[in-house]
Every structure is written in C-alpha cells, then in structure tokens.
Amino acid sequence: MNEVVRRVLVVEDDVDLAQAVADLLGDEGFVVEQRHDGQAGLAAALEIAFDVIILDLMLPRRNGFSVCQEIRAAGIQTPLLMLTAKNGDLDEIEGLEVGADDFLRKPFEWSILLARINALLRRFERGQSRKVVVGDVVLDTISRQVTAGVLEARLTSREFRVLEYLMENVDRTVTKNEILDAVWGTDFDGDPNVVEVYVGYLRRKLDSRGAPSHIKTVRGVGYVFSSGV
C-alpha cells in the first residue's frame, strides 16, 4: 500500500523560520511549499490542494486574517494553523472567527508545532468522507482525490472546486456566472472566460481520448456535467 503524502503550505515572511519549519516537516515526511507574503500565500492556497496550511498573522502585502478569510470564502476547508508573535487574546479570537482552526504563539517548541499539525489532521480526517459519484468519476471531498475510471486525476484546488460544483449539479445546466459565484466568489471582477479555461483543464484530465466529454457545453448558456457519458 502506498504511503499517503501530506502537503503543507507554510506562509511566513521570516525566511529563516519558514525554512526551519519546512526542514522539520520534511524530516517527518511532509511535502512543504513556502510563500513569504500574504498575496503569494493566498494564490497558492487557491490553486493547490494542501492538507495543512500554516499561516503567519503579520505578513507583507496581505495579513493573515485577510488571507484566511479569503481561503474560507472560497470554500476551502483545509486545516489552518495561524502563527503570531503578538501577545493577547484579541488576535486569537479574530483568527478563529475568520476561520483558523488553531493558534500558536511564537516562539514555540518544534514538538508542539508537530503535535498541533497532527491533531489538526486527525480532527479533519474524522470528519465524514463524502463521495460524489457520477458515472465513472468519483470525487472525495475529504481526501480531495478524484478518479475517472481507473485513472487518478490530479487537480488543483480551483479545478477541484469547479468539478465539485458541476458534479453536485449533475444533469443541470449551470451558467458561467453561477460557477464564478460558487468558486471565485460573488465579488470576482476578472474575466468570466476563466471558467472556460478551467473547464478545458478538467476535460484534459478527466476525458479519455476519443470518448465523449463528461462536461458538455450548452452554447450560450453554460455547462452541464452529464451522467450519461
């Protein structure tokens, strides 16, 4: 049986501390990505599926409260541990209110950090796994795994959420605006054609060569994930 690989995002502007955390977690078998400002951290969280996010509170370009709030608003429920060097309860209260799962004050013992991360993973994985099955496509909302027939489709976080929305609305035509609101948020002001781009990504990862696509285009309206493929 293959060992499960855990992916961790560390968003910390202290480069030395971020590297020390990455080295520690790497020794424990985690795959770690680092970002050193809030905007870059948010972009990574929206595009890549992680098992845990470690997020510093005081960050350049965008603070941890804002990043956490945007992550949760996008529907991402990845366990999130917020770090702070400040004393007092108000930051911890605000962090929990915007969606953090736990709070750790600097400086901290490495053993405490590992214990907190493992506790978050156990707590998250005790949540009931929910599988969405349409035809030969199976989407697991806890493990974030997607299979199409015998093949595993490796999706980014955003691709996963687009697919989840389409599969939850199986055989119903959904508009671009509905997808944008559900995945990018109601305040999205970018190019709505980004939906077409992500549908294209999903088709390349899910569809067998020469076979009908799982995702049908309803010209002038939107898309439908069909159960009849």
Protein backbone atom coordinates (compact mmCIF):
# COMPACT_ATOMS: atom_id res chain seq x y z
CA MET A 1 0.00 0.00 0.00
CA ASN A 2 1.35 3.43 -0.93
CA GLU A 3 2.08 5.78 1.94
CA VAL A 4 -0.11 8.88 1.98
CA VAL A 5 1.91 12.03 1.27
CA ARG A 6 0.80 15.14 3.16
CA ARG A 7 1.25 18.53 1.52
CA VAL A 8 1.78 21.58 3.72
CA LEU A 9 1.77 25.26 2.78
CA VAL A 10 3.90 27.50 5.04
CA VAL A 11 3.16 31.22 4.65
CA GLU A 12 5.76 33.07 6.73
CA ASP A 13 7.75 36.23 5.90
CA ASP A 14 10.65 35.25 8.18
CA VAL A 15 12.54 33.23 5.57
CA ASP A 16 14.79 31.52 8.11
CA LEU A 17 11.83 30.43 10.24
CA ALA A 18 9.89 29.26 7.17
CA GLN A 19 12.87 27.16 6.07
CA ALA A 20 13.31 25.72 9.57
CA VAL A 21 9.64 24.69 9.64
CA ALA A 22 9.96 23.23 6.13
CA ASP A 23 13.04 21.24 7.16
CA LEU A 24 11.31 19.92 10.28
CA LEU A 25 8.19 18.86 8.39
CA GLY A 26 10.24 17.44 5.54
CA ASP A 27 12.03 15.18 8.01
CA GLU A 28 8.59 13.98 9.13
CA GLY A 29 7.60 13.02 5.60
CA PHE A 30 5.58 16.11 4.65
CA VAL A 31 5.94 17.82 1.27
CA VAL A 32 6.27 21.53 2.01
CA GLU A 33 5.80 24.63 -0.12
CA GLN A 34 6.78 28.08 1.16
CA ARG A 35 5.42 31.52 0.40
CA HIS A 36 6.73 34.69 2.03
CA ASP A 37 3.91 37.20 1.70
CA GLY A 38 0.16 37.10 2.10
CA GLN A 39 -0.76 37.58 -1.54
CA ALA A 40 1.51 34.76 -2.72
CA GLY A 41 0.23 32.54 0.08
CA LEU A 42 -3.38 33.15 -0.88
CA ALA A 43 -2.66 32.42 -4.55
CA ALA A 44 -1.02 29.11 -3.63
CA ALA A 45 -3.89 28.09 -1.35
CA LEU A 46 -6.41 28.80 -4.11
CA GLU A 47 -4.54 26.90 -6.79
CA ILE A 48 -3.01 23.88 -4.99
CA ALA A 49 -4.70 21.31 -2.75
CA PHE A 50 -2.89 21.18 0.60
CA ASP A 51 -3.53 19.02 3.65
CA VAL A 52 -2.49 21.72 6.15
CA ILE A 53 -1.83 25.46 5.91
CA ILE A 54 0.50 27.20 8.39
CA LEU A 55 -0.20 30.93 8.16
CA ASP A 56 1.62 33.76 9.90
CA LEU A 57 -0.52 36.66 11.08
CA MET A 58 1.75 39.60 10.26
CA LEU A 59 2.63 39.34 6.58
CA PRO A 60 3.58 41.84 3.86
CA ARG A 61 1.08 42.64 1.10
CA ARG A 62 -1.82 40.95 2.92
CA ASN A 63 -2.18 39.96 6.57
CA GLY A 64 -3.08 36.51 7.83
CA PHE A 65 -6.63 37.48 8.82
CA SER A 66 -7.40 38.58 5.27
CA VAL A 67 -5.75 35.54 3.71
CA CYS A 68 -7.61 33.14 6.00
CA GLN A 69 -10.92 34.87 5.34
CA GLU A 70 -10.44 34.64 1.57
CA ILE A 71 -9.46 30.97 1.79
CA ARG A 72 -12.64 30.13 3.71
CA ALA A 73 -14.79 32.33 1.45
CA ALA A 74 -13.52 30.27 -1.50
CA GLY A 75 -14.89 27.12 0.15
CA ILE A 76 -11.51 25.65 1.10
CA GLN A 77 -11.76 23.78 4.41
CA THR A 78 -8.10 22.77 4.70
CA PRO A 79 -6.96 22.69 8.37
CA LEU A 80 -5.28 26.03 9.09
CA LEU A 81 -2.85 26.83 11.92
CA MET A 82 -2.26 30.54 12.47
CA LEU A 83 1.03 31.81 13.93
CA THR A 84 1.61 35.09 15.74
CA ALA A 85 4.39 36.82 17.67
CA LYS A 86 1.88 39.09 19.43
CA ASN A 87 0.50 38.61 22.92
CA GLY A 88 -3.13 38.97 23.92
CA ASP A 89 -6.38 37.17 23.22
CA LEU A 90 -7.93 39.52 20.67
CA ASP A 91 -5.83 38.30 17.74
CA GLU A 92 -6.60 34.69 18.61
CA ILE A 93 -10.32 35.43 18.82
CA GLU A 94 -10.30 37.24 15.46
CA GLY A 95 -8.22 34.47 13.86
CA LEU A 96 -10.68 31.82 14.96
CA GLU A 97 -13.61 33.94 13.83
CA VAL A 98 -12.25 34.30 10.29
CA GLY A 99 -11.77 30.54 10.03
CA ALA A 100 -8.46 29.46 11.59
CA ASP A 101 -8.62 26.05 13.26
CA ASP A 102 -5.84 26.61 15.79
CA PHE A 103 -3.48 29.34 17.00
CA LEU A 104 0.18 29.05 18.03
CA ARG A 105 2.28 31.81 19.54
CA LYS A 106 5.94 32.38 18.69
CA PRO A 107 8.43 31.29 19.83
CA PHE A 108 7.22 27.70 20.00
CA GLU A 109 8.75 24.29 20.57
CA TRP A 110 9.11 22.16 17.46
CA SER A 111 7.43 19.26 19.24
CA ILE A 112 4.40 21.46 19.95
CA LEU A 113 4.15 22.52 16.29
CA LEU A 114 4.21 18.89 15.15
CA ALA A 115 1.65 17.89 17.75
CA ARG A 116 -0.70 20.69 16.68
CA ILE A 117 -0.39 19.76 12.99
CA ASN A 118 -1.03 16.07 13.62
CA ALA A 119 -4.00 16.90 15.84
CA LEU A 120 -5.49 19.08 13.09
CA LEU A 121 -5.07 16.28 10.56
CA ARG A 122 -6.73 13.73 12.86
CA ARG A 123 -9.60 16.10 13.63
CA PHE A 124 -10.14 16.86 9.95
CA GLU A 125 -9.96 13.24 8.85
CA ARG A 126 -12.51 12.19 11.46
CA GLY A 127 -14.98 14.28 9.51
CA GLN A 128 -17.20 12.04 7.46
CA SER A 129 -15.83 11.47 4.00
CA ARG A 130 -18.35 12.39 1.34
CA LYS A 131 -18.02 10.95 -2.12
CA VAL A 132 -19.77 12.37 -5.15
CA VAL A 133 -20.13 9.75 -7.86
CA VAL A 134 -21.31 10.42 -11.39
CA GLY A 135 -20.74 7.63 -13.89
CA ASP A 136 -17.08 6.62 -13.70
CA VAL A 137 -15.99 9.83 -11.97
CA VAL A 138 -15.60 9.70 -8.18
CA LEU A 139 -14.81 12.83 -6.14
CA ASP A 140 -13.90 12.51 -2.44
CA THR A 141 -14.36 15.78 -0.55
CA ILE A 142 -12.12 14.77 2.37
CA SER A 143 -9.14 13.13 0.67
CA ARG A 144 -9.57 15.54 -2.29
CA GLN A 145 -8.98 12.62 -4.63
CA VAL A 146 -10.67 12.36 -8.00
CA THR A 147 -10.72 9.25 -10.15
CA ALA A 148 -12.06 8.84 -13.66
CA GLY A 149 -12.36 5.13 -14.36
CA VAL A 150 -9.07 3.51 -13.32
CA LEU A 151 -7.09 6.74 -13.53
CA GLU A 152 -6.50 9.29 -10.77
CA ALA A 153 -6.94 12.89 -11.90
CA ARG A 154 -4.54 15.24 -10.09
CA LEU A 155 -6.42 18.53 -9.75
CA THR A 156 -5.51 21.92 -8.39
CA SER A 157 -7.67 23.32 -5.61
CA ARG A 158 -9.58 25.55 -8.03
CA GLU A 159 -10.10 22.74 -10.56
CA PHE A 160 -11.40 20.54 -7.73
CA ARG A 161 -13.96 23.14 -6.67
CA VAL A 162 -15.20 23.69 -10.24
CA LEU A 163 -15.60 19.94 -10.70
CA GLU A 164 -17.31 19.53 -7.33
CA TYR A 165 -19.84 22.24 -8.21
CA LEU A 166 -20.59 20.71 -11.61
CA MET A 167 -20.96 17.19 -10.19
CA GLU A 168 -23.24 18.38 -7.38
CA ASN A 169 -25.46 19.84 -10.12
CA VAL A 170 -25.33 16.75 -12.33
CA ASP A 171 -27.51 16.90 -15.44
CA ARG A 172 -28.39 20.54 -14.72
CA THR A 173 -27.03 23.30 -16.92
CA VAL A 174 -25.17 25.86 -14.82
CA THR A 175 -24.17 29.25 -16.13
CA LYS A 176 -20.71 30.79 -16.08
CA ASN A 177 -21.92 33.29 -13.52
CA GLU A 178 -23.15 30.53 -11.21
CA ILE A 179 -19.76 28.83 -11.38
CA LEU A 180 -17.94 32.13 -10.83
CA ASP A 181 -20.06 32.92 -7.76
CA ALA A 182 -19.61 29.44 -6.29
CA VAL A 183 -15.87 29.08 -6.91
CA TRP A 184 -14.34 32.54 -7.33
CA GLY A 185 -16.78 34.42 -5.10
CA THR A 186 -19.51 36.97 -5.75
CA ASP A 187 -17.01 39.86 -5.72
CA PHE A 188 -14.90 38.43 -8.56
CA ASP A 189 -14.27 41.16 -11.15
CA GLY A 190 -11.90 39.38 -13.51
CA ASP A 191 -12.52 37.88 -16.94
CA PRO A 192 -15.52 35.48 -16.80
CA ASN A 193 -13.88 33.44 -19.56
CA VAL A 194 -11.65 31.97 -16.85
CA VAL A 195 -14.45 29.41 -16.43
CA GLU A 196 -13.85 28.18 -19.98
CA VAL A 197 -10.16 27.82 -19.19
CA TYR A 198 -10.82 25.66 -16.14
CA VAL A 199 -13.41 23.53 -17.92
CA GLY A 200 -10.72 22.91 -20.53
CA TYR A 201 -8.27 21.83 -17.83
CA LEU A 202 -10.84 19.41 -16.40
CA ARG A 203 -11.65 17.90 -19.77
CA ARG A 204 -7.99 17.18 -20.43
CA LYS A 205 -7.64 15.46 -17.05
CA LEU A 206 -10.92 13.53 -16.95
CA ASP A 207 -11.81 12.57 -20.50
CA SER A 208 -10.44 9.56 -22.35
CA ARG A 209 -9.09 10.22 -25.80
CA GLY A 210 -11.83 9.87 -28.40
CA ALA A 211 -14.60 9.46 -25.81
CA PRO A 212 -17.41 11.97 -25.25
CA SER A 213 -16.58 14.63 -22.67
CA HIS A 214 -18.04 14.40 -19.18
CA ILE A 215 -18.65 18.15 -19.30
CA LYS A 216 -20.97 19.30 -22.06
CA THR A 217 -21.10 22.85 -23.36
CA VAL A 218 -24.59 24.31 -23.65
CA ARG A 219 -23.90 27.03 -26.17
CA GLY A 220 -24.82 30.49 -24.99
CA VAL A 221 -25.82 29.21 -21.53
CA GLY A 222 -23.09 27.32 -19.68
CA TYR A 223 -22.06 23.77 -18.86
CA VAL A 224 -23.58 20.52 -17.66
CA PHE A 225 -21.87 17.51 -16.10
CA SER A 226 -23.69 14.63 -17.71
CA SER A 227 -24.48 11.32 -16.06
CA GLY A 228 -24.95 9.77 -19.49
CA VAL A 229 -21.32 9.66 -20.62
